[in-house]
N, C-alpha and C. Protein backbone atom coordinates (compact mmCIF):
# COMPACT_ATOMS: atom_id res chain seq x y z
N MET A 1 -60.26 0.50 116.81
CA MET A 1 -59.64 1.26 115.74
C MET A 1 -58.50 0.44 115.15
N SER A 2 -58.42 0.39 113.86
CA SER A 2 -57.34 -0.29 113.18
C SER A 2 -56.07 0.56 113.24
N ARG A 3 -54.97 -0.07 113.61
CA ARG A 3 -53.71 0.65 113.76
C ARG A 3 -52.68 0.06 112.81
N PRO A 4 -51.90 0.91 112.12
CA PRO A 4 -50.87 0.40 111.21
C PRO A 4 -49.86 -0.48 111.93
N ALA A 5 -49.48 -1.58 111.31
CA ALA A 5 -48.57 -2.55 111.92
C ALA A 5 -47.22 -1.94 112.31
N ILE A 6 -46.77 -0.94 111.56
CA ILE A 6 -45.47 -0.33 111.84
C ILE A 6 -45.41 0.28 113.26
N PHE A 7 -46.58 0.62 113.82
CA PHE A 7 -46.62 1.24 115.14
C PHE A 7 -46.89 0.24 116.26
N ALA A 8 -46.96 -1.05 115.93
CA ALA A 8 -47.38 -2.08 116.89
C ALA A 8 -46.58 -2.07 118.19
N ASP A 9 -45.28 -1.90 118.15
CA ASP A 9 -44.46 -1.97 119.36
C ASP A 9 -44.10 -0.61 119.94
N MET A 10 -44.55 0.46 119.32
CA MET A 10 -44.17 1.79 119.79
C MET A 10 -44.78 2.13 121.14
N ALA A 11 -45.99 1.70 121.41
CA ALA A 11 -46.62 2.00 122.70
C ALA A 11 -45.79 1.43 123.84
N ASP A 12 -45.32 0.19 123.67
CA ASP A 12 -44.48 -0.42 124.71
C ASP A 12 -43.20 0.38 124.93
N ALA A 13 -42.62 0.88 123.87
CA ALA A 13 -41.39 1.68 123.99
C ALA A 13 -41.67 2.99 124.73
N PHE A 14 -42.77 3.66 124.39
CA PHE A 14 -43.11 4.91 125.07
C PHE A 14 -43.37 4.65 126.56
N VAL A 15 -44.16 3.63 126.86
CA VAL A 15 -44.53 3.36 128.24
C VAL A 15 -43.32 2.89 129.06
N SER A 16 -42.45 2.07 128.46
CA SER A 16 -41.29 1.62 129.23
C SER A 16 -40.31 2.76 129.49
N GLY A 17 -40.24 3.72 128.59
CA GLY A 17 -39.33 4.85 128.79
C GLY A 17 -39.91 5.99 129.61
N LEU A 18 -41.22 6.20 129.49
CA LEU A 18 -41.84 7.37 130.12
C LEU A 18 -42.91 7.02 131.15
N GLY A 19 -43.28 5.76 131.26
CA GLY A 19 -44.34 5.36 132.19
C GLY A 19 -43.97 5.69 133.62
N ASN A 20 -44.89 6.35 134.31
CA ASN A 20 -44.60 6.76 135.69
C ASN A 20 -45.63 6.24 136.69
N VAL A 21 -46.65 5.52 136.22
CA VAL A 21 -47.65 4.97 137.13
C VAL A 21 -48.12 3.60 136.65
N THR A 22 -48.68 2.86 137.58
CA THR A 22 -49.45 1.67 137.26
C THR A 22 -50.87 1.98 137.70
N ALA A 23 -51.82 1.61 136.86
CA ALA A 23 -53.22 1.94 137.15
C ALA A 23 -54.11 0.76 136.80
N GLN A 24 -55.22 0.68 137.53
CA GLN A 24 -56.28 -0.26 137.19
C GLN A 24 -57.29 0.52 136.37
N VAL A 25 -57.49 0.09 135.13
CA VAL A 25 -58.36 0.80 134.19
C VAL A 25 -59.52 -0.11 133.82
N THR A 26 -60.72 0.45 133.86
CA THR A 26 -61.90 -0.30 133.43
C THR A 26 -61.97 -0.25 131.91
N VAL A 27 -61.92 -1.43 131.27
CA VAL A 27 -62.01 -1.54 129.82
C VAL A 27 -63.08 -2.57 129.50
N LYS A 28 -64.17 -2.13 128.87
CA LYS A 28 -65.29 -3.02 128.53
C LYS A 28 -65.81 -3.77 129.76
N GLY A 29 -65.86 -3.08 130.89
CA GLY A 29 -66.38 -3.68 132.12
C GLY A 29 -65.38 -4.52 132.89
N GLU A 30 -64.21 -4.75 132.34
CA GLU A 30 -63.17 -5.54 133.00
C GLU A 30 -62.08 -4.61 133.53
N VAL A 31 -61.50 -4.96 134.67
CA VAL A 31 -60.40 -4.16 135.23
C VAL A 31 -59.09 -4.72 134.69
N VAL A 32 -58.29 -3.83 134.07
CA VAL A 32 -57.01 -4.20 133.49
C VAL A 32 -55.94 -3.36 134.18
N GLU A 33 -54.85 -4.01 134.59
CA GLU A 33 -53.75 -3.25 135.20
C GLU A 33 -52.74 -2.89 134.12
N LEU A 34 -52.44 -1.60 134.00
CA LEU A 34 -51.56 -1.08 132.96
C LEU A 34 -50.51 -0.15 133.52
N THR A 35 -49.35 -0.16 132.92
CA THR A 35 -48.37 0.89 133.18
C THR A 35 -48.63 1.97 132.15
N GLY A 36 -48.61 3.22 132.60
CA GLY A 36 -48.90 4.32 131.69
C GLY A 36 -48.23 5.60 132.13
N ILE A 37 -48.59 6.65 131.46
CA ILE A 37 -48.01 7.98 131.69
C ILE A 37 -49.11 8.88 132.24
N LEU A 38 -48.99 9.26 133.52
CA LEU A 38 -49.94 10.17 134.14
C LEU A 38 -49.35 11.57 134.10
N ARG A 39 -50.11 12.50 133.57
CA ARG A 39 -49.69 13.90 133.51
C ARG A 39 -50.64 14.72 134.34
N LYS A 40 -50.07 15.58 135.17
CA LYS A 40 -50.84 16.51 136.00
C LYS A 40 -50.37 17.90 135.60
N VAL A 41 -51.28 18.70 135.08
CA VAL A 41 -50.93 20.03 134.57
C VAL A 41 -51.74 21.08 135.33
N ARG A 42 -51.05 22.04 135.93
CA ARG A 42 -51.72 23.15 136.59
C ARG A 42 -52.04 24.19 135.53
N GLU A 43 -53.31 24.54 135.46
CA GLU A 43 -53.76 25.48 134.44
C GLU A 43 -54.39 26.71 135.09
N THR A 44 -54.19 27.82 134.47
CA THR A 44 -54.87 29.04 134.92
C THR A 44 -55.84 29.44 133.82
N ASP A 45 -56.75 30.27 134.17
CA ASP A 45 -57.73 30.76 133.21
C ASP A 45 -58.58 29.64 132.62
N LEU A 46 -58.94 28.67 133.47
CA LEU A 46 -59.87 27.65 133.00
C LEU A 46 -61.25 28.24 132.78
N LEU A 47 -61.53 29.32 133.50
CA LEU A 47 -62.80 29.99 133.41
C LEU A 47 -62.55 31.46 133.74
N ASP A 48 -63.14 32.34 133.01
CA ASP A 48 -62.95 33.76 133.25
C ASP A 48 -64.30 34.37 133.61
N ILE A 49 -64.45 34.71 134.87
CA ILE A 49 -65.70 35.31 135.33
C ILE A 49 -65.40 36.73 135.79
N GLU A 50 -65.92 37.69 135.05
CA GLU A 50 -65.75 39.10 135.39
C GLU A 50 -64.31 39.46 135.70
N GLY A 51 -63.41 39.00 134.86
CA GLY A 51 -62.00 39.37 135.00
C GLY A 51 -61.23 38.56 136.02
N MET A 52 -61.87 37.60 136.68
CA MET A 52 -61.19 36.76 137.66
C MET A 52 -60.91 35.40 137.04
N GLY A 53 -59.66 35.00 137.00
CA GLY A 53 -59.29 33.71 136.44
C GLY A 53 -59.47 32.60 137.45
N LEU A 54 -59.67 31.42 136.98
CA LEU A 54 -59.80 30.24 137.82
C LEU A 54 -58.62 29.33 137.56
N GLU A 55 -58.01 28.84 138.61
CA GLU A 55 -56.86 27.96 138.48
C GLU A 55 -57.28 26.55 138.85
N GLY A 56 -56.72 25.58 138.16
CA GLY A 56 -57.06 24.20 138.46
C GLY A 56 -56.01 23.25 137.95
N VAL A 57 -56.23 21.98 138.18
CA VAL A 57 -55.32 20.93 137.75
C VAL A 57 -56.08 20.00 136.82
N SER A 58 -55.47 19.68 135.69
CA SER A 58 -56.07 18.68 134.80
C SER A 58 -55.15 17.47 134.73
N TYR A 59 -55.76 16.30 134.55
CA TYR A 59 -55.02 15.05 134.51
C TYR A 59 -55.28 14.34 133.19
N SER A 60 -54.25 13.61 132.73
CA SER A 60 -54.43 12.71 131.60
C SER A 60 -53.61 11.44 131.85
N PHE A 61 -54.05 10.35 131.26
CA PHE A 61 -53.37 9.06 131.38
C PHE A 61 -53.19 8.50 129.97
N SER A 62 -51.95 8.19 129.61
CA SER A 62 -51.66 7.65 128.28
C SER A 62 -51.13 6.24 128.40
N ALA A 63 -51.59 5.38 127.50
CA ALA A 63 -51.12 3.99 127.45
C ALA A 63 -51.38 3.46 126.04
N SER A 64 -51.13 2.19 125.87
CA SER A 64 -51.30 1.56 124.56
C SER A 64 -52.72 1.76 124.03
N GLY A 65 -52.81 2.31 122.84
CA GLY A 65 -54.11 2.53 122.22
C GLY A 65 -54.86 1.24 121.99
N THR A 66 -54.16 0.18 121.68
CA THR A 66 -54.81 -1.11 121.43
C THR A 66 -55.53 -1.60 122.68
N VAL A 67 -54.89 -1.47 123.83
CA VAL A 67 -55.49 -1.93 125.08
C VAL A 67 -56.64 -1.02 125.50
N LEU A 68 -56.50 0.28 125.27
CA LEU A 68 -57.50 1.25 125.72
C LEU A 68 -58.63 1.46 124.72
N ASP A 69 -58.65 0.75 123.60
CA ASP A 69 -59.68 0.97 122.60
C ASP A 69 -61.09 0.79 123.12
N GLY A 70 -61.29 -0.04 124.15
CA GLY A 70 -62.63 -0.27 124.66
C GLY A 70 -63.06 0.66 125.78
N VAL A 71 -62.20 1.59 126.18
CA VAL A 71 -62.54 2.50 127.28
C VAL A 71 -63.63 3.46 126.84
N ARG A 72 -64.57 3.68 127.74
CA ARG A 72 -65.69 4.58 127.45
C ARG A 72 -65.72 5.70 128.48
N GLN A 73 -66.41 6.77 128.11
CA GLN A 73 -66.59 7.88 129.04
C GLN A 73 -67.25 7.37 130.31
N SER A 74 -66.78 7.83 131.43
CA SER A 74 -67.20 7.48 132.79
C SER A 74 -66.63 6.15 133.29
N ASP A 75 -65.78 5.46 132.50
CA ASP A 75 -65.01 4.34 133.04
C ASP A 75 -64.01 4.93 134.04
N THR A 76 -63.36 4.08 134.82
CA THR A 76 -62.48 4.58 135.88
C THR A 76 -61.01 4.21 135.65
N VAL A 77 -60.15 5.06 136.21
CA VAL A 77 -58.71 4.83 136.25
C VAL A 77 -58.30 5.02 137.71
N THR A 78 -57.75 3.98 138.33
CA THR A 78 -57.32 4.03 139.73
C THR A 78 -55.81 3.86 139.77
N ILE A 79 -55.11 4.82 140.33
CA ILE A 79 -53.64 4.78 140.41
C ILE A 79 -53.24 3.83 141.54
N THR A 80 -52.44 2.80 141.21
CA THR A 80 -52.01 1.83 142.22
C THR A 80 -50.53 1.94 142.55
N ARG A 81 -49.75 2.53 141.67
CA ARG A 81 -48.32 2.74 141.91
C ARG A 81 -47.90 3.99 141.18
N SER A 82 -46.99 4.74 141.79
CA SER A 82 -46.52 5.97 141.18
C SER A 82 -45.03 6.14 141.47
N ASP A 83 -44.26 6.55 140.48
CA ASP A 83 -42.82 6.76 140.67
C ASP A 83 -42.52 7.76 141.77
N ASP A 84 -43.36 8.79 141.91
CA ASP A 84 -43.10 9.82 142.92
C ASP A 84 -43.96 9.63 144.17
N ALA A 85 -44.63 8.48 144.29
CA ALA A 85 -45.45 8.13 145.45
C ALA A 85 -46.61 9.10 145.67
N GLN A 86 -46.96 9.89 144.68
CA GLN A 86 -48.11 10.78 144.77
C GLN A 86 -49.26 10.17 143.97
N ASP A 87 -50.45 10.58 144.29
CA ASP A 87 -51.66 10.18 143.58
C ASP A 87 -52.04 8.72 143.73
N ILE A 88 -51.32 7.95 144.57
CA ILE A 88 -51.67 6.54 144.77
C ILE A 88 -53.03 6.47 145.44
N GLY A 89 -53.90 5.64 144.90
CA GLY A 89 -55.25 5.48 145.43
C GLY A 89 -56.26 6.44 144.83
N LYS A 90 -55.81 7.43 144.07
CA LYS A 90 -56.76 8.36 143.45
C LYS A 90 -57.55 7.63 142.38
N VAL A 91 -58.83 7.96 142.32
CA VAL A 91 -59.73 7.38 141.33
C VAL A 91 -60.18 8.51 140.41
N PHE A 92 -60.05 8.29 139.12
CA PHE A 92 -60.45 9.26 138.12
C PHE A 92 -61.54 8.67 137.24
N LEU A 93 -62.40 9.53 136.74
CA LEU A 93 -63.38 9.14 135.73
C LEU A 93 -62.86 9.58 134.37
N VAL A 94 -63.08 8.77 133.36
CA VAL A 94 -62.68 9.13 132.00
C VAL A 94 -63.70 10.14 131.48
N ALA A 95 -63.20 11.33 131.13
CA ALA A 95 -64.07 12.39 130.61
C ALA A 95 -64.04 12.43 129.08
N GLY A 96 -63.01 11.86 128.48
CA GLY A 96 -62.87 11.84 127.03
C GLY A 96 -61.53 11.22 126.68
N HIS A 97 -61.21 11.22 125.40
CA HIS A 97 -59.91 10.66 124.99
C HIS A 97 -59.42 11.32 123.71
N VAL A 98 -58.10 11.20 123.52
CA VAL A 98 -57.45 11.65 122.31
C VAL A 98 -56.66 10.46 121.79
N ASP A 99 -56.89 10.09 120.54
CA ASP A 99 -56.25 8.92 119.95
C ASP A 99 -55.40 9.36 118.78
N ASP A 100 -54.11 9.03 118.82
CA ASP A 100 -53.23 9.44 117.72
C ASP A 100 -53.37 8.52 116.50
N GLY A 101 -54.16 7.44 116.64
CA GLY A 101 -54.37 6.52 115.53
C GLY A 101 -53.17 5.65 115.22
N ARG A 102 -52.16 5.75 116.04
CA ARG A 102 -50.94 4.98 115.80
C ARG A 102 -50.67 4.04 116.97
N ALA A 103 -50.08 4.55 118.04
CA ALA A 103 -49.67 3.68 119.13
C ALA A 103 -50.37 3.98 120.45
N MET A 104 -50.63 5.25 120.72
CA MET A 104 -51.07 5.65 122.06
C MET A 104 -52.48 6.24 122.05
N LYS A 105 -53.12 6.11 123.22
CA LYS A 105 -54.38 6.79 123.45
C LYS A 105 -54.21 7.56 124.76
N ARG A 106 -54.67 8.81 124.78
CA ARG A 106 -54.59 9.64 125.99
C ARG A 106 -56.00 9.82 126.52
N LEU A 107 -56.20 9.40 127.76
CA LEU A 107 -57.49 9.56 128.42
C LEU A 107 -57.49 10.89 129.18
N LEU A 108 -58.50 11.68 128.97
CA LEU A 108 -58.68 12.93 129.70
C LEU A 108 -59.48 12.58 130.95
N LEU A 109 -58.95 12.92 132.11
CA LEU A 109 -59.50 12.45 133.37
C LEU A 109 -60.14 13.55 134.19
N HIS A 110 -61.12 13.14 134.97
CA HIS A 110 -61.77 14.03 135.92
C HIS A 110 -61.66 13.34 137.28
N GLU A 111 -61.14 14.06 138.27
CA GLU A 111 -60.95 13.46 139.59
C GLU A 111 -62.30 13.13 140.20
N ASP A 112 -62.47 11.87 140.62
CA ASP A 112 -63.72 11.41 141.22
C ASP A 112 -63.68 11.76 142.70
N GLU A 113 -64.47 12.77 143.06
CA GLU A 113 -64.41 13.27 144.45
C GLU A 113 -65.50 12.71 145.30
């Protein structure tokens, strides 16, 4: 994806200020080590079956859109370092992505069990 030049250094600023993990990400078949932003969100009502809600956790990983442009669904993200020492060693599959078209790309993750 072509990105406007004005946003070229913004991803580095976001990741240096908010990055909380280092991960090995598969990009075009190659493993790349990136610092990024891992978000873990507890959600309720992911599914409503006969009035019973389902609770779960969803994960996303954000990093430079330029670097992540080659990531495809079912590529992997492996957490190698974490500021809070949680989730280290977890392997996630890329389920989809959200691209702001400027600096960042957010990968929607599914925990590989």
